[in-house]
Amino acid sequence: MKKFKRIFYTLYILVALLVAFFSIDGLIETERMLGWLNRRITPYTQVYLALTLFLIMSLMMLMELLLEHFQIRRLKNQVPDLEAEITRLKAKLYDSPPTRTKGLEDADD
């Protein structure tokens, strides 16, 4: 799951950096950017571009949410087994006869 999160967080950061870069570049060279956008992207295609990016990011976030949910469920299902193991080990510890080491016997004197 850690590897999966690293991949998605890297993609989120990459998209954020691209948006920041193009925003800053657009502010610096507004005339050139607007001319390029008007030639390449029409208002009709802008809607589809924005919708496509929104859907891709939404699907990525949904996939991450689902995988995290399954991991949490798997970990919650392991809790009773681990608690039973702890109880078994405690019982084994308390049932074992006490042992004294030579160092402790000398300390009592």
C-alpha atoms as a PDB file:
ATOM      1  CA  MET A   1       0.000   0.000   0.000  1.00  0.00           C
ATOM      2  CA  LYS A   2       2.895   2.355   0.685  1.00  0.00           C
ATOM      3  CA  LYS A   3       4.141   1.934  -2.877  1.00  0.00           C
ATOM      4  CA  PHE A   4       0.635   2.595  -4.199  1.00  0.00           C
ATOM      5  CA  LYS A   5       0.324   5.788  -2.135  1.00  0.00           C
ATOM      6  CA  ARG A   6       3.739   6.982  -3.276  1.00  0.00           C
ATOM      7  CA  ILE A   7       2.686   6.584  -6.908  1.00  0.00           C
ATOM      8  CA  PHE A   8      -0.574   8.484  -6.445  1.00  0.00           C
ATOM      9  CA  TYR A   9       0.936  11.202  -4.302  1.00  0.00           C
ATOM     10  CA  THR A  10       3.657  11.638  -6.914  1.00  0.00           C
ATOM     11  CA  LEU A  11       0.988  11.997  -9.614  1.00  0.00           C
ATOM     12  CA  TYR A  12      -0.963  14.503  -7.491  1.00  0.00           C
ATOM     13  CA  ILE A  13       2.165  16.568  -6.940  1.00  0.00           C
ATOM     14  CA  LEU A  14       3.082  16.365 -10.632  1.00  0.00           C
ATOM     15  CA  VAL A  15      -0.352  17.641 -11.661  1.00  0.00           C
ATOM     16  CA  ALA A  16      -0.158  20.431  -9.085  1.00  0.00           C
ATOM     17  CA  LEU A  17       3.293  21.467 -10.337  1.00  0.00           C
ATOM     18  CA  LEU A  18       2.110  21.434 -13.956  1.00  0.00           C
ATOM     19  CA  VAL A  19      -0.884  23.599 -13.086  1.00  0.00           C
ATOM     20  CA  ALA A  20       1.350  25.983 -11.144  1.00  0.00           C
ATOM     21  CA  PHE A  21       3.889  26.143 -13.995  1.00  0.00           C
ATOM     22  CA  PHE A  22       1.307  26.855 -16.671  1.00  0.00           C
ATOM     23  CA  SER A  23      -0.443  29.372 -14.435  1.00  0.00           C
ATOM     24  CA  ILE A  24       2.766  31.297 -13.799  1.00  0.00           C
ATOM     25  CA  ASP A  25       3.830  31.005 -17.442  1.00  0.00           C
ATOM     26  CA  GLY A  26       0.393  32.194 -18.522  1.00  0.00           C
ATOM     27  CA  LEU A  27       0.610  35.204 -16.248  1.00  0.00           C
ATOM     28  CA  ILE A  28       4.078  36.149 -17.465  1.00  0.00           C
ATOM     29  CA  GLU A  29       3.419  35.743 -21.175  1.00  0.00           C
ATOM     30  CA  THR A  30      -0.320  36.276 -21.388  1.00  0.00           C
ATOM     31  CA  GLU A  31      -0.467  37.375 -25.024  1.00  0.00           C
ATOM     32  CA  ARG A  32       1.585  34.456 -26.323  1.00  0.00           C
ATOM     33  CA  MET A  33      -0.321  31.968 -24.158  1.00  0.00           C
ATOM     34  CA  LEU A  34      -3.725  33.257 -25.243  1.00  0.00           C
ATOM     35  CA  GLY A  35      -2.715  33.138 -28.905  1.00  0.00           C
ATOM     36  CA  TRP A  36      -1.490  29.556 -28.524  1.00  0.00           C
ATOM     37  CA  LEU A  37      -4.622  28.508 -26.640  1.00  0.00           C
ATOM     38  CA  ASN A  38      -6.955  30.155 -29.149  1.00  0.00           C
ATOM     39  CA  ARG A  39      -5.280  28.339 -32.032  1.00  0.00           C
ATOM     40  CA  ARG A  40      -5.111  24.934 -30.311  1.00  0.00           C
ATOM     41  CA  ILE A  41      -7.990  24.706 -27.886  1.00  0.00           C
ATOM     42  CA  THR A  42     -11.438  25.890 -28.772  1.00  0.00           C
ATOM     43  CA  PRO A  43     -14.076  26.505 -26.111  1.00  0.00           C
ATOM     44  CA  TYR A  44     -15.702  23.251 -27.224  1.00  0.00           C
ATOM     45  CA  THR A  45     -12.554  21.195 -26.587  1.00  0.00           C
ATOM     46  CA  GLN A  46     -11.787  23.017 -23.327  1.00  0.00           C
ATOM     47  CA  VAL A  47     -14.894  21.505 -21.771  1.00  0.00           C
ATOM     48  CA  TYR A  48     -13.861  17.989 -22.796  1.00  0.00           C
ATOM     49  CA  LEU A  49     -10.288  18.539 -21.639  1.00  0.00           C
ATOM     50  CA  ALA A  50     -11.406  19.757 -18.214  1.00  0.00           C
ATOM     51  CA  LEU A  51     -13.947  16.938 -17.921  1.00  0.00           C
ATOM     52  CA  THR A  52     -11.362  14.321 -18.887  1.00  0.00           C
ATOM     53  CA  LEU A  53      -8.841  15.605 -16.343  1.00  0.00           C
ATOM     54  CA  PHE A  54     -11.540  15.731 -13.673  1.00  0.00           C
ATOM     55  CA  LEU A  55     -12.629  12.155 -14.405  1.00  0.00           C
ATOM     56  CA  ILE A  56      -9.069  10.810 -14.408  1.00  0.00           C
ATOM     57  CA  MET A  57      -8.254  12.441 -11.069  1.00  0.00           C
ATOM     58  CA  SER A  58     -11.599  11.341  -9.610  1.00  0.00           C
ATOM     59  CA  LEU A  59     -10.994   7.744 -10.652  1.00  0.00           C
ATOM     60  CA  MET A  60      -7.512   7.820  -9.169  1.00  0.00           C
ATOM     61  CA  MET A  61      -8.810   9.182  -5.873  1.00  0.00           C
ATOM     62  CA  LEU A  62     -11.655   6.637  -5.826  1.00  0.00           C
ATOM     63  CA  MET A  63      -9.220   3.791  -6.448  1.00  0.00           C
ATOM     64  CA  GLU A  64      -6.996   5.036  -3.633  1.00  0.00           C
ATOM     65  CA  LEU A  65      -9.980   5.324  -1.300  1.00  0.00           C
ATOM     66  CA  LEU A  66     -11.153   1.789  -2.089  1.00  0.00           C
ATOM     67  CA  LEU A  67      -7.723   0.267  -1.625  1.00  0.00           C
ATOM     68  CA  GLU A  68      -7.256   2.065   1.693  1.00  0.00           C
ATOM     69  CA  HIS A  69     -10.679   0.809   2.805  1.00  0.00           C
ATOM     70  CA  PHE A  70      -9.749  -2.798   1.949  1.00  0.00           C
ATOM     71  CA  GLN A  71      -6.437  -2.460   3.778  1.00  0.00           C
ATOM     72  CA  ILE A  72      -8.155  -1.087   6.885  1.00  0.00           C
ATOM     73  CA  ARG A  73     -10.709  -3.908   6.784  1.00  0.00           C
ATOM     74  CA  ARG A  74      -7.925  -6.492   6.469  1.00  0.00           C
ATOM     75  CA  LEU A  75      -6.047  -4.985   9.412  1.00  0.00           C
ATOM     76  CA  LYS A  76      -9.214  -4.855  11.549  1.00  0.00           C
ATOM     77  CA  ASN A  77      -9.826  -8.532  10.802  1.00  0.00           C
ATOM     78  CA  GLN A  78      -6.343  -9.343  12.119  1.00  0.00           C
ATOM     79  CA  VAL A  79      -6.974  -7.685  15.507  1.00  0.00           C
ATOM     80  CA  PRO A  80      -8.926 -10.587  17.130  1.00  0.00           C
ATOM     81  CA  ASP A  81      -6.268 -13.098  16.056  1.00  0.00           C
ATOM     82  CA  LEU A  82      -3.503 -10.904  17.476  1.00  0.00           C
ATOM     83  CA  GLU A  83      -5.411 -10.353  20.727  1.00  0.00           C
ATOM     84  CA  ALA A  84      -5.881 -14.124  21.059  1.00  0.00           C
ATOM     85  CA  GLU A  85      -2.151 -14.594  20.480  1.00  0.00           C
ATOM     86  CA  ILE A  86      -1.344 -12.013  23.187  1.00  0.00           C
ATOM     87  CA  THR A  87      -3.712 -13.725  25.627  1.00  0.00           C
ATOM     88  CA  ARG A  88      -2.127 -17.095  24.870  1.00  0.00           C
ATOM     89  CA  LEU A  89       1.367 -15.715  25.434  1.00  0.00           C
ATOM     90  CA  LYS A  90       0.323 -14.021  28.695  1.00  0.00           C
ATOM     91  CA  ALA A  91      -1.189 -17.282  29.929  1.00  0.00           C
ATOM     92  CA  LYS A  92       1.988 -19.126  29.012  1.00  0.00           C
ATOM     93  CA  LEU A  93       4.050 -16.503  30.852  1.00  0.00           C
ATOM     94  CA  TYR A  94       1.930 -16.606  34.009  1.00  0.00           C
ATOM     95  CA  ASP A  95       1.711 -20.413  34.035  1.00  0.00           C
ATOM     96  CA  SER A  96       5.450 -20.868  33.805  1.00  0.00           C
ATOM     97  CA  PRO A  97       7.237 -21.448  37.112  1.00  0.00           C
ATOM     98  CA  PRO A  98       9.189 -18.476  38.427  1.00  0.00           C
ATOM     99  CA  THR A  99      12.889 -18.688  37.823  1.00  0.00           C
ATOM    100  CA  ARG A 100      15.496 -16.945  39.848  1.00  0.00           C
ATOM    101  CA  THR A 101      18.850 -16.073  38.550  1.00  0.00           C
ATOM    102  CA  LYS A 102      22.024 -16.064  40.577  1.00  0.00           C
ATOM    103  CA  GLY A 103      22.333 -12.291  40.259  1.00  0.00           C
ATOM    104  CA  LEU A 104      18.911 -11.725  41.834  1.00  0.00           C
ATOM    105  CA  GLU A 105      19.627 -14.097  44.715  1.00  0.00           C
ATOM    106  CA  ASP A 106      22.796 -12.200  45.537  1.00  0.00           C
ATOM    107  CA  ALA A 107      20.951  -8.888  45.418  1.00  0.00           C
ATOM    108  CA  ASP A 108      18.431 -10.045  48.052  1.00  0.00           C
ATOM    109  CA  ASP A 109      21.162 -10.847  50.596  1.00  0.00           C
END
